[in-house]
Amino acid sequence: MTETARETGLPVSRGTVMWPTLTAIGCLFGFGCAASYLVFLGLPFLLAGVVAAVVAAAMAAVSLRRRRRLRAVSYLVLPGVVVASVIAPQGVLGAFVRVGQCLRLLTHLRSYDAEIERSTLPVGSRFKVFDWGGFAGYNTFLIYDETGAIERPQARAWRGAEDGGVSASCAGRVVRLTGHFYICDT
């Protein structure tokens, strides 16, 4: 340990570097939160991740030339995440988009609950569709369904007139966020 590190109390690296890992997590989390509102809002996070991945790959090459293998591997975390996001975007990015959708739901939960309370349907059969918008023909709906029928594919014709046909296109294709709230991407 150097004198400077001892004086400042900062941890000394034992050959690994944390910024590529933290950058990967930050870019994925930022993309998920931004993309839960509009898909193209997540693009700056992806671009930042790609730029940082190129820098990290170059630094990994330098570390390998200096025979610092552990440091090189830690630099390669970020380029690995970027490559995995390109190869399997639903698997890598999908999880972070769901986190963003849950945060969006929790942020606006009171207004959704107030809208549901104003429903004329009896308690136990209330149903409400919230349009979360979309981009380039891609649209996301938040669906509140107390019966849970929207999860079943045979519910296609159910409530078609009340929700503008959303239940017909989303029946059996929804993902439960929490409680009676479901998300549907069309």
N, C-alpha and C. Protein backbone atom coordinates (compact mmCIF):
# COMPACT_ATOMS: atom_id res chain seq x y z
N MET A 1 0.86 -1.17 0.00
CA MET A 1 0.00 0.00 0.00
C MET A 1 0.91 1.24 0.00
N THR A 2 0.57 2.16 -0.85
CA THR A 2 1.39 3.37 -0.92
C THR A 2 1.03 4.30 0.23
N GLU A 3 1.89 5.27 0.43
CA GLU A 3 1.68 6.24 1.50
C GLU A 3 0.41 7.05 1.26
N THR A 4 0.15 7.41 0.01
CA THR A 4 -1.03 8.21 -0.32
C THR A 4 -2.30 7.44 -0.03
N ALA A 5 -2.34 6.19 -0.40
CA ALA A 5 -3.54 5.39 -0.17
C ALA A 5 -3.78 5.21 1.33
N ARG A 6 -2.71 5.05 2.10
CA ARG A 6 -2.85 4.90 3.54
C ARG A 6 -3.39 6.18 4.18
N GLU A 7 -2.94 7.31 3.69
CA GLU A 7 -3.37 8.59 4.24
C GLU A 7 -4.83 8.90 3.91
N THR A 8 -5.26 8.59 2.72
CA THR A 8 -6.63 8.93 2.31
C THR A 8 -7.65 7.92 2.80
N GLY A 9 -7.21 6.73 3.10
CA GLY A 9 -8.15 5.71 3.56
C GLY A 9 -8.93 5.06 2.41
N LEU A 10 -8.56 5.35 1.18
CA LEU A 10 -9.25 4.76 0.03
C LEU A 10 -8.79 3.32 -0.17
N PRO A 11 -9.69 2.46 -0.62
CA PRO A 11 -9.29 1.07 -0.85
C PRO A 11 -8.32 0.97 -2.03
N VAL A 12 -7.38 0.09 -1.91
CA VAL A 12 -6.38 -0.11 -2.94
C VAL A 12 -6.82 -1.28 -3.81
N SER A 13 -6.72 -1.12 -5.10
CA SER A 13 -7.10 -2.17 -6.04
C SER A 13 -6.10 -3.31 -5.97
N ARG A 14 -6.60 -4.51 -5.96
CA ARG A 14 -5.76 -5.70 -5.96
C ARG A 14 -5.66 -6.26 -7.37
N GLY A 15 -5.84 -5.40 -8.37
CA GLY A 15 -5.72 -5.85 -9.74
C GLY A 15 -7.02 -5.76 -10.50
N THR A 16 -8.12 -5.47 -9.84
CA THR A 16 -9.39 -5.36 -10.54
C THR A 16 -9.79 -3.89 -10.65
N VAL A 17 -10.68 -3.63 -11.56
CA VAL A 17 -11.19 -2.28 -11.78
C VAL A 17 -12.71 -2.38 -11.73
N MET A 18 -13.35 -1.49 -10.98
CA MET A 18 -14.81 -1.57 -10.81
C MET A 18 -15.59 -0.72 -11.80
N TRP A 19 -15.01 0.30 -12.41
CA TRP A 19 -15.81 1.20 -13.23
C TRP A 19 -16.48 0.52 -14.41
N PRO A 20 -15.89 -0.48 -15.07
CA PRO A 20 -16.63 -1.12 -16.17
C PRO A 20 -17.90 -1.83 -15.68
N THR A 21 -17.83 -2.47 -14.54
CA THR A 21 -19.00 -3.16 -13.99
C THR A 21 -20.06 -2.15 -13.57
N LEU A 22 -19.66 -1.10 -12.89
CA LEU A 22 -20.62 -0.08 -12.47
C LEU A 22 -21.22 0.65 -13.66
N THR A 23 -20.42 0.90 -14.69
CA THR A 23 -20.94 1.54 -15.90
C THR A 23 -21.95 0.64 -16.59
N ALA A 24 -21.67 -0.66 -16.65
CA ALA A 24 -22.60 -1.60 -17.28
C ALA A 24 -23.94 -1.60 -16.54
N ILE A 25 -23.88 -1.68 -15.22
CA ILE A 25 -25.11 -1.69 -14.43
C ILE A 25 -25.85 -0.36 -14.58
N GLY A 26 -25.13 0.74 -14.54
CA GLY A 26 -25.75 2.06 -14.68
C GLY A 26 -26.41 2.25 -16.03
N CYS A 27 -25.73 1.83 -17.10
CA CYS A 27 -26.30 1.98 -18.45
C CYS A 27 -27.54 1.10 -18.61
N LEU A 28 -27.48 -0.12 -18.11
CA LEU A 28 -28.64 -1.01 -18.23
C LEU A 28 -29.82 -0.50 -17.41
N PHE A 29 -29.56 -0.05 -16.19
CA PHE A 29 -30.62 0.48 -15.35
C PHE A 29 -31.19 1.77 -15.95
N GLY A 30 -30.33 2.65 -16.44
CA GLY A 30 -30.79 3.89 -17.08
C GLY A 30 -31.61 3.60 -18.31
N PHE A 31 -31.17 2.63 -19.11
CA PHE A 31 -31.94 2.25 -20.30
C PHE A 31 -33.32 1.74 -19.90
N GLY A 32 -33.37 0.87 -18.90
CA GLY A 32 -34.64 0.30 -18.47
C GLY A 32 -35.61 1.34 -17.98
N CYS A 33 -35.14 2.28 -17.19
CA CYS A 33 -36.03 3.34 -16.68
C CYS A 33 -36.50 4.25 -17.80
N ALA A 34 -35.58 4.66 -18.68
CA ALA A 34 -35.94 5.57 -19.77
C ALA A 34 -36.83 4.87 -20.78
N ALA A 35 -36.53 3.62 -21.11
CA ALA A 35 -37.29 2.90 -22.12
C ALA A 35 -38.68 2.53 -21.63
N SER A 36 -38.92 2.55 -20.33
CA SER A 36 -40.27 2.26 -19.84
C SER A 36 -41.23 3.39 -20.19
N TYR A 37 -40.69 4.57 -20.50
CA TYR A 37 -41.52 5.69 -20.95
C TYR A 37 -41.60 5.71 -22.48
N LEU A 38 -40.48 5.78 -23.14
CA LEU A 38 -40.40 5.71 -24.60
C LEU A 38 -39.12 4.99 -24.96
N VAL A 39 -39.21 4.09 -25.91
CA VAL A 39 -38.06 3.24 -26.25
C VAL A 39 -36.86 4.08 -26.67
N PHE A 40 -37.08 5.11 -27.50
CA PHE A 40 -35.94 5.86 -28.00
C PHE A 40 -35.26 6.70 -26.92
N LEU A 41 -35.89 6.91 -25.77
CA LEU A 41 -35.24 7.63 -24.67
C LEU A 41 -34.10 6.81 -24.07
N GLY A 42 -34.12 5.51 -24.26
CA GLY A 42 -33.06 4.66 -23.75
C GLY A 42 -31.81 4.64 -24.61
N LEU A 43 -31.91 5.16 -25.84
CA LEU A 43 -30.78 5.10 -26.76
C LEU A 43 -29.53 5.83 -26.27
N PRO A 44 -29.63 7.01 -25.62
CA PRO A 44 -28.39 7.62 -25.11
C PRO A 44 -27.64 6.73 -24.11
N PHE A 45 -28.38 5.96 -23.32
CA PHE A 45 -27.72 5.06 -22.37
C PHE A 45 -27.01 3.94 -23.11
N LEU A 46 -27.62 3.45 -24.17
CA LEU A 46 -26.96 2.41 -24.97
C LEU A 46 -25.73 2.97 -25.67
N LEU A 47 -25.84 4.17 -26.21
CA LEU A 47 -24.69 4.80 -26.87
C LEU A 47 -23.55 5.02 -25.88
N ALA A 48 -23.87 5.51 -24.69
CA ALA A 48 -22.85 5.71 -23.66
C ALA A 48 -22.20 4.38 -23.29
N GLY A 49 -23.00 3.32 -23.23
CA GLY A 49 -22.46 2.00 -22.91
C GLY A 49 -21.52 1.50 -23.99
N VAL A 50 -21.86 1.74 -25.25
CA VAL A 50 -21.00 1.29 -26.36
C VAL A 50 -19.68 2.06 -26.35
N VAL A 51 -19.74 3.37 -26.16
CA VAL A 51 -18.51 4.17 -26.11
C VAL A 51 -17.63 3.71 -24.95
N ALA A 52 -18.22 3.54 -23.79
CA ALA A 52 -17.45 3.08 -22.62
C ALA A 52 -16.91 1.67 -22.85
N ALA A 53 -17.65 0.83 -23.56
CA ALA A 53 -17.19 -0.52 -23.84
C ALA A 53 -15.96 -0.52 -24.75
N VAL A 54 -15.93 0.38 -25.72
CA VAL A 54 -14.76 0.48 -26.61
C VAL A 54 -13.54 0.92 -25.80
N VAL A 55 -13.73 1.91 -24.93
CA VAL A 55 -12.62 2.37 -24.08
C VAL A 55 -12.16 1.23 -23.17
N ALA A 56 -13.10 0.52 -22.57
CA ALA A 56 -12.75 -0.59 -21.67
C ALA A 56 -12.02 -1.71 -22.41
N ALA A 57 -12.43 -1.99 -23.64
CA ALA A 57 -11.76 -3.03 -24.43
C ALA A 57 -10.32 -2.63 -24.74
N ALA A 58 -10.11 -1.35 -25.05
CA ALA A 58 -8.75 -0.87 -25.31
C ALA A 58 -7.90 -0.97 -24.04
N MET A 59 -8.50 -0.62 -22.91
CA MET A 59 -7.75 -0.70 -21.64
C MET A 59 -7.47 -2.16 -21.27
N ALA A 60 -8.37 -3.06 -21.64
CA ALA A 60 -8.12 -4.48 -21.39
C ALA A 60 -6.94 -4.97 -22.21
N ALA A 61 -6.84 -4.50 -23.45
CA ALA A 61 -5.71 -4.89 -24.30
C ALA A 61 -4.40 -4.39 -23.71
N VAL A 62 -4.40 -3.15 -23.20
CA VAL A 62 -3.20 -2.61 -22.57
C VAL A 62 -2.84 -3.43 -21.32
N SER A 63 -3.84 -3.79 -20.54
CA SER A 63 -3.59 -4.59 -19.33
C SER A 63 -3.04 -5.96 -19.66
N LEU A 64 -3.52 -6.55 -20.75
CA LEU A 64 -2.99 -7.86 -21.17
C LEU A 64 -1.53 -7.73 -21.60
N ARG A 65 -1.20 -6.67 -22.28
CA ARG A 65 0.20 -6.47 -22.70
C ARG A 65 1.10 -6.31 -21.50
N ARG A 66 0.57 -5.76 -20.42
CA ARG A 66 1.35 -5.57 -19.20
C ARG A 66 1.25 -6.78 -18.27
N ARG A 67 0.59 -7.84 -18.74
CA ARG A 67 0.43 -9.10 -18.01
C ARG A 67 -0.39 -8.94 -16.72
N ARG A 68 -1.36 -8.08 -16.77
CA ARG A 68 -2.30 -7.91 -15.65
C ARG A 68 -3.63 -8.55 -16.05
N ARG A 69 -3.67 -9.85 -15.95
CA ARG A 69 -4.82 -10.61 -16.46
C ARG A 69 -6.11 -10.32 -15.69
N LEU A 70 -6.05 -10.24 -14.38
CA LEU A 70 -7.24 -9.97 -13.58
C LEU A 70 -7.84 -8.61 -13.91
N ARG A 71 -6.99 -7.63 -14.07
CA ARG A 71 -7.45 -6.29 -14.45
C ARG A 71 -8.07 -6.33 -15.85
N ALA A 72 -7.46 -7.05 -16.77
CA ALA A 72 -7.99 -7.15 -18.13
C ALA A 72 -9.38 -7.79 -18.13
N VAL A 73 -9.55 -8.82 -17.33
CA VAL A 73 -10.86 -9.48 -17.25
C VAL A 73 -11.91 -8.52 -16.69
N SER A 74 -11.54 -7.73 -15.68
CA SER A 74 -12.50 -6.80 -15.11
C SER A 74 -12.85 -5.69 -16.10
N TYR A 75 -11.91 -5.31 -16.96
CA TYR A 75 -12.23 -4.35 -18.01
C TYR A 75 -13.18 -4.95 -19.05
N LEU A 76 -13.11 -6.23 -19.26
CA LEU A 76 -13.92 -6.87 -20.30
C LEU A 76 -15.37 -7.13 -19.89
N VAL A 77 -15.72 -6.82 -18.64
CA VAL A 77 -17.11 -6.99 -18.20
C VAL A 77 -18.05 -6.12 -19.03
N LEU A 78 -17.71 -4.87 -19.20
CA LEU A 78 -18.58 -3.93 -19.93
C LEU A 78 -18.73 -4.32 -21.40
N PRO A 79 -17.66 -4.59 -22.15
CA PRO A 79 -17.87 -5.04 -23.52
C PRO A 79 -18.66 -6.34 -23.59
N GLY A 80 -18.50 -7.21 -22.60
CA GLY A 80 -19.28 -8.45 -22.57
C GLY A 80 -20.77 -8.19 -22.41
N VAL A 81 -21.11 -7.23 -21.56
CA VAL A 81 -22.52 -6.87 -21.38
C VAL A 81 -23.10 -6.27 -22.65
N VAL A 82 -22.32 -5.43 -23.33
CA VAL A 82 -22.79 -4.82 -24.58
C VAL A 82 -23.01 -5.90 -25.64
N VAL A 83 -22.09 -6.83 -25.77
CA VAL A 83 -22.24 -7.92 -26.75
C VAL A 83 -23.45 -8.78 -26.39
N ALA A 84 -23.62 -9.10 -25.12
CA ALA A 84 -24.79 -9.90 -24.70
C ALA A 84 -26.08 -9.15 -24.98
N SER A 85 -26.08 -7.83 -24.83
CA SER A 85 -27.28 -7.04 -25.11
C SER A 85 -27.63 -7.05 -26.59
N VAL A 86 -26.62 -7.15 -27.44
CA VAL A 86 -26.85 -7.22 -28.89
C VAL A 86 -27.32 -8.61 -29.28
N ILE A 87 -26.72 -9.63 -28.71
CA ILE A 87 -27.06 -11.02 -29.07
C ILE A 87 -28.42 -11.42 -28.53
N ALA A 88 -28.72 -11.08 -27.28
CA ALA A 88 -29.99 -11.47 -26.64
C ALA A 88 -30.61 -10.26 -25.95
N PRO A 89 -31.15 -9.31 -26.72
CA PRO A 89 -31.66 -8.08 -26.08
C PRO A 89 -32.82 -8.32 -25.12
N GLN A 90 -33.71 -9.24 -25.42
CA GLN A 90 -34.83 -9.49 -24.51
C GLN A 90 -34.35 -10.05 -23.19
N GLY A 91 -33.35 -10.88 -23.22
CA GLY A 91 -32.86 -11.48 -21.98
C GLY A 91 -32.13 -10.50 -21.09
N VAL A 92 -31.29 -9.65 -21.69
CA VAL A 92 -30.49 -8.72 -20.91
C VAL A 92 -31.26 -7.43 -20.65
N LEU A 93 -31.70 -6.78 -21.73
CA LEU A 93 -32.37 -5.49 -21.57
C LEU A 93 -33.79 -5.64 -21.05
N GLY A 94 -34.45 -6.75 -21.37
CA GLY A 94 -35.84 -6.95 -20.94
C GLY A 94 -36.02 -6.89 -19.43
N ALA A 95 -35.08 -7.45 -18.71
CA ALA A 95 -35.17 -7.42 -17.24
C ALA A 95 -35.09 -5.99 -16.72
N PHE A 96 -34.25 -5.18 -17.31
CA PHE A 96 -34.11 -3.80 -16.85
C PHE A 96 -35.29 -2.93 -17.29
N VAL A 97 -35.90 -3.26 -18.44
CA VAL A 97 -37.11 -2.55 -18.85
C VAL A 97 -38.24 -2.87 -17.86
N ARG A 98 -38.35 -4.11 -17.41
CA ARG A 98 -39.37 -4.48 -16.42
C ARG A 98 -39.16 -3.72 -15.11
N VAL A 99 -37.91 -3.56 -14.70
CA VAL A 99 -37.63 -2.78 -13.49
C VAL A 99 -38.12 -1.34 -13.70
N GLY A 100 -37.85 -0.78 -14.86
CA GLY A 100 -38.31 0.57 -15.17
C GLY A 100 -39.82 0.67 -15.18
N GLN A 101 -40.49 -0.37 -15.70
CA GLN A 101 -41.95 -0.37 -15.72
C GLN A 101 -42.52 -0.45 -14.30
N CYS A 102 -41.90 -1.25 -13.46
CA CYS A 102 -42.35 -1.32 -12.06
C CYS A 102 -42.17 0.02 -11.36
N LEU A 103 -41.05 0.68 -11.61
CA LEU A 103 -40.83 1.99 -11.00
C LEU A 103 -41.84 3.02 -11.53
N ARG A 104 -42.16 2.94 -12.81
CA ARG A 104 -43.15 3.85 -13.38
C ARG A 104 -44.51 3.62 -12.75
N LEU A 105 -44.89 2.35 -12.58
CA LEU A 105 -46.16 2.03 -11.94
C LEU A 105 -46.19 2.56 -10.50
N LEU A 106 -45.14 2.32 -9.74
CA LEU A 106 -45.11 2.78 -8.35
C LEU A 106 -45.13 4.30 -8.25
N THR A 107 -44.51 4.97 -9.20
CA THR A 107 -44.50 6.43 -9.20
C THR A 107 -45.89 7.01 -9.37
N HIS A 108 -46.71 6.37 -10.20
CA HIS A 108 -48.04 6.91 -10.53
C HIS A 108 -49.18 6.09 -9.92
N LEU A 109 -48.88 5.23 -8.98
CA LEU A 109 -49.87 4.31 -8.43
C LEU A 109 -51.09 5.02 -7.85
N ARG A 110 -50.91 6.11 -7.17
CA ARG A 110 -52.05 6.81 -6.56
C ARG A 110 -53.03 7.29 -7.62
N SER A 111 -52.53 7.84 -8.71
CA SER A 111 -53.45 8.31 -9.76
C SER A 111 -54.15 7.15 -10.44
N TYR A 112 -53.46 6.02 -10.62
CA TYR A 112 -54.11 4.84 -11.20
C TYR A 112 -55.20 4.32 -10.26
N ASP A 113 -54.89 4.24 -8.98
CA ASP A 113 -55.88 3.78 -8.00
C ASP A 113 -57.10 4.70 -7.97
N ALA A 114 -56.89 6.00 -8.07
CA ALA A 114 -58.01 6.95 -8.07
C ALA A 114 -58.88 6.74 -9.31
N GLU A 115 -58.26 6.51 -10.44
CA GLU A 115 -59.02 6.26 -11.68
C GLU A 115 -59.81 4.96 -11.58
N ILE A 116 -59.24 3.95 -10.99
CA ILE A 116 -59.93 2.66 -10.83
C ILE A 116 -61.09 2.81 -9.87
N GLU A 117 -60.92 3.58 -8.81
CA GLU A 117 -62.00 3.80 -7.83
C GLU A 117 -63.21 4.49 -8.48
N ARG A 118 -62.97 5.30 -9.50
CA ARG A 118 -64.06 5.99 -10.18
C ARG A 118 -64.81 5.08 -11.15
N SER A 119 -64.35 3.85 -11.30
CA SER A 119 -64.99 2.90 -12.22
C SER A 119 -66.42 2.60 -11.78
N THR A 120 -67.30 2.41 -12.74
CA THR A 120 -68.70 2.09 -12.45
C THR A 120 -68.92 0.59 -12.27
N LEU A 121 -67.90 -0.21 -12.57
CA LEU A 121 -68.03 -1.66 -12.44
C LEU A 121 -67.97 -2.06 -10.96
N PRO A 122 -68.64 -3.14 -10.59
CA PRO A 122 -68.61 -3.58 -9.19
C PRO A 122 -67.22 -4.07 -8.78
N VAL A 123 -66.92 -3.91 -7.51
CA VAL A 123 -65.64 -4.38 -6.97
C VAL A 123 -65.54 -5.88 -7.22
N GLY A 124 -64.40 -6.31 -7.71
CA GLY A 124 -64.19 -7.72 -8.02
C GLY A 124 -64.21 -7.98 -9.51
N SER A 125 -64.76 -7.04 -10.28
CA SER A 125 -64.77 -7.21 -11.73
C SER A 125 -64.28 -5.95 -12.45
N ARG A 126 -63.62 -5.07 -11.70
CA ARG A 126 -63.15 -3.82 -12.31
C ARG A 126 -62.02 -4.10 -13.31
N PHE A 127 -62.03 -3.32 -14.37
CA PHE A 127 -61.08 -3.46 -15.47
C PHE A 127 -60.78 -2.08 -16.03
N LYS A 128 -59.50 -1.77 -16.21
CA LYS A 128 -59.14 -0.46 -16.75
C LYS A 128 -57.85 -0.60 -17.55
N VAL A 129 -57.80 0.07 -18.69
CA VAL A 129 -56.61 0.07 -19.53
C VAL A 129 -56.01 1.47 -19.52
N PHE A 130 -54.71 1.55 -19.25
CA PHE A 130 -53.98 2.81 -19.29
C PHE A 130 -52.98 2.73 -20.44
N ASP A 131 -53.06 3.65 -21.36
CA ASP A 131 -52.16 3.68 -22.51
C ASP A 131 -50.86 4.36 -22.10
N TRP A 132 -49.77 3.62 -22.11
CA TRP A 132 -48.48 4.18 -21.74
C TRP A 132 -47.74 4.73 -22.95
N GLY A 133 -48.36 4.73 -24.10
CA GLY A 133 -47.73 5.28 -25.30
C GLY A 133 -46.80 4.30 -25.97
N GLY A 134 -46.14 4.79 -26.98
CA GLY A 134 -45.24 3.94 -27.73
C GLY A 134 -44.48 4.72 -28.76
N PHE A 135 -43.84 3.99 -29.66
CA PHE A 135 -43.00 4.61 -30.68
C PHE A 135 -42.93 3.67 -31.86
N ALA A 136 -43.14 4.21 -33.07
CA ALA A 136 -42.99 3.47 -34.32
C ALA A 136 -43.85 2.20 -34.35
N GLY A 137 -45.11 2.33 -33.99
CA GLY A 137 -46.04 1.20 -34.05
C GLY A 137 -45.97 0.27 -32.86
N TYR A 138 -45.07 0.50 -31.96
CA TYR A 138 -44.90 -0.31 -30.75
C TYR A 138 -45.62 0.44 -29.63
N ASN A 139 -46.47 -0.25 -28.89
CA ASN A 139 -47.24 0.41 -27.85
C ASN A 139 -47.25 -0.44 -26.58
N THR A 140 -47.34 0.22 -25.43
CA THR A 140 -47.38 -0.45 -24.15
C THR A 140 -48.63 -0.04 -23.40
N PHE A 141 -49.32 -1.02 -22.83
CA PHE A 141 -50.52 -0.76 -22.05
C PHE A 141 -50.34 -1.31 -20.64
N LEU A 142 -50.79 -0.53 -19.67
CA LEU A 142 -50.90 -0.99 -18.30
C LEU A 142 -52.35 -1.38 -18.12
N ILE A 143 -52.60 -2.59 -17.69
CA ILE A 143 -53.96 -3.10 -17.57
C ILE A 143 -54.23 -3.48 -16.12
N TYR A 144 -55.34 -3.00 -15.59
CA TYR A 144 -55.80 -3.38 -14.26
C TYR A 144 -56.98 -4.32 -14.45
N ASP A 145 -56.87 -5.53 -13.95
CA ASP A 145 -57.92 -6.54 -14.12
C ASP A 145 -58.06 -7.31 -12.81
N GLU A 146 -59.15 -7.05 -12.09
CA GLU A 146 -59.35 -7.73 -10.81
C GLU A 146 -59.65 -9.21 -10.97
N THR A 147 -60.20 -9.61 -12.11
CA THR A 147 -60.55 -11.02 -12.31
C THR A 147 -59.35 -11.86 -12.74
N GLY A 148 -58.35 -11.25 -13.35
CA GLY A 148 -57.19 -11.99 -13.84
C GLY A 148 -57.45 -12.69 -15.16
N ALA A 149 -58.61 -12.45 -15.76
CA ALA A 149 -58.97 -13.13 -17.01
C ALA A 149 -58.06 -12.72 -18.16
N ILE A 150 -57.44 -11.57 -18.09
CA ILE A 150 -56.58 -11.11 -19.17
C ILE A 150 -55.36 -12.01 -19.36
N GLU A 151 -55.04 -12.78 -18.33
CA GLU A 151 -53.88 -13.70 -18.43
C GLU A 151 -54.18 -14.91 -19.30
N ARG A 152 -55.45 -15.22 -19.50
CA ARG A 152 -55.83 -16.42 -20.23
C ARG A 152 -56.05 -16.12 -21.71
N PRO A 153 -55.49 -16.93 -22.62
CA PRO A 153 -55.67 -16.69 -24.05
C PRO A 153 -57.13 -16.75 -24.51
N GLN A 154 -57.97 -17.51 -23.85
CA GLN A 154 -59.37 -17.64 -24.26
C GLN A 154 -60.18 -16.39 -23.95
N ALA A 155 -59.57 -15.40 -23.34
CA ALA A 155 -60.28 -14.16 -22.99
C ALA A 155 -60.27 -13.15 -24.13
N ARG A 156 -59.95 -13.57 -25.35
CA ARG A 156 -59.79 -12.67 -26.48
C ARG A 156 -61.00 -11.76 -26.72
N ALA A 157 -62.19 -12.28 -26.67
CA ALA A 157 -63.37 -11.48 -26.98
C ALA A 157 -63.89 -10.73 -25.76
N TRP A 158 -63.33 -11.00 -24.63
CA TRP A 158 -63.78 -10.44 -23.37
C TRP A 158 -63.49 -8.95 -23.31
N ARG A 159 -64.45 -8.14 -22.98
CA ARG A 159 -64.32 -6.70 -22.76
C ARG A 159 -63.85 -5.93 -23.98
N GLY A 160 -63.97 -6.45 -25.15
CA GLY A 160 -63.49 -5.79 -26.37
C GLY A 160 -64.06 -4.42 -26.60
N ALA A 161 -65.32 -4.20 -26.30
CA ALA A 161 -65.94 -2.89 -26.54
C ALA A 161 -65.48 -1.86 -25.51
N GLU A 162 -65.21 -2.29 -24.29
CA GLU A 162 -64.86 -1.36 -23.21
C GLU A 162 -63.46 -0.80 -23.32
N ASP A 163 -62.54 -1.56 -23.90
CA ASP A 163 -61.15 -1.13 -23.89
C ASP A 163 -60.58 -0.86 -25.27
N GLY A 164 -61.44 -0.76 -26.27
CA GLY A 164 -60.97 -0.47 -27.62
C GLY A 164 -60.23 -1.62 -28.27
N GLY A 165 -60.47 -2.84 -27.82
CA GLY A 165 -59.84 -4.01 -28.41
C GLY A 165 -58.50 -4.40 -27.81
N VAL A 166 -58.06 -3.69 -26.80
CA VAL A 166 -56.76 -4.00 -26.19
C VAL A 166 -56.78 -5.39 -25.57
N SER A 167 -57.87 -5.76 -24.89
CA SER A 167 -57.91 -7.08 -24.25
C SER A 167 -57.84 -8.19 -25.29
N ALA A 168 -58.41 -7.97 -26.47
CA ALA A 168 -58.34 -8.99 -27.52
C ALA A 168 -56.92 -9.20 -28.00
N SER A 169 -56.15 -8.14 -28.14
CA SER A 169 -54.78 -8.29 -28.62
C SER A 169 -53.80 -8.68 -27.50
N CYS A 170 -54.19 -8.45 -26.24
CA CYS A 170 -53.29 -8.73 -25.12
C CYS A 170 -53.63 -10.02 -24.37
N ALA A 171 -54.79 -10.61 -24.63
CA ALA A 171 -55.21 -11.79 -23.88
C ALA A 171 -54.16 -12.90 -23.98
N GLY A 172 -53.70 -13.34 -22.82
CA GLY A 172 -52.71 -14.40 -22.76
C GLY A 172 -51.28 -13.94 -23.00
N ARG A 173 -51.08 -12.66 -23.30
CA ARG A 173 -49.73 -12.16 -23.59
C ARG A 173 -49.28 -11.11 -22.59
N VAL A 174 -49.91 -11.03 -21.46
CA VAL A 174 -49.58 -10.01 -20.48
C VAL A 174 -48.55 -10.55 -19.48
N VAL A 175 -47.88 -9.62 -18.82
CA VAL A 175 -46.95 -9.95 -17.75
C VAL A 175 -47.44 -9.23 -16.51
N ARG A 176 -47.61 -9.97 -15.43
CA ARG A 176 -48.07 -9.37 -14.18
C ARG A 176 -46.94 -8.56 -13.57
N LEU A 177 -47.25 -7.29 -13.28
CA LEU A 177 -46.27 -6.45 -12.59
C LEU A 177 -46.41 -6.61 -11.09
N THR A 178 -47.62 -6.37 -10.60
CA THR A 178 -47.90 -6.52 -9.17
C THR A 178 -49.40 -6.53 -8.97
N GLY A 179 -49.87 -7.28 -8.02
CA GLY A 179 -51.31 -7.31 -7.72
C GLY A 179 -52.14 -7.61 -8.95
N HIS A 180 -53.06 -6.70 -9.27
CA HIS A 180 -53.92 -6.87 -10.44
C HIS A 180 -53.44 -6.05 -11.63
N PHE A 181 -52.23 -5.55 -11.58
CA PHE A 181 -51.68 -4.75 -12.68
C PHE A 181 -50.86 -5.64 -13.60
N TYR A 182 -51.12 -5.49 -14.90
CA TYR A 182 -50.45 -6.26 -15.93
C TYR A 182 -49.88 -5.29 -16.96
N ILE A 183 -48.87 -5.74 -17.67
CA ILE A 183 -48.28 -4.95 -18.74
C ILE A 183 -48.43 -5.72 -20.04
N CYS A 184 -48.75 -5.03 -21.11
CA CYS A 184 -48.88 -5.65 -22.43
C CYS A 184 -48.17 -4.80 -23.46
N ASP A 185 -47.28 -5.39 -24.19
CA ASP A 185 -46.58 -4.71 -25.29
C ASP A 185 -47.17 -5.20 -26.61
N THR A 186 -47.64 -4.26 -27.42
CA THR A 186 -48.21 -4.65 -28.72
C THR A 186 -47.39 -4.05 -29.84
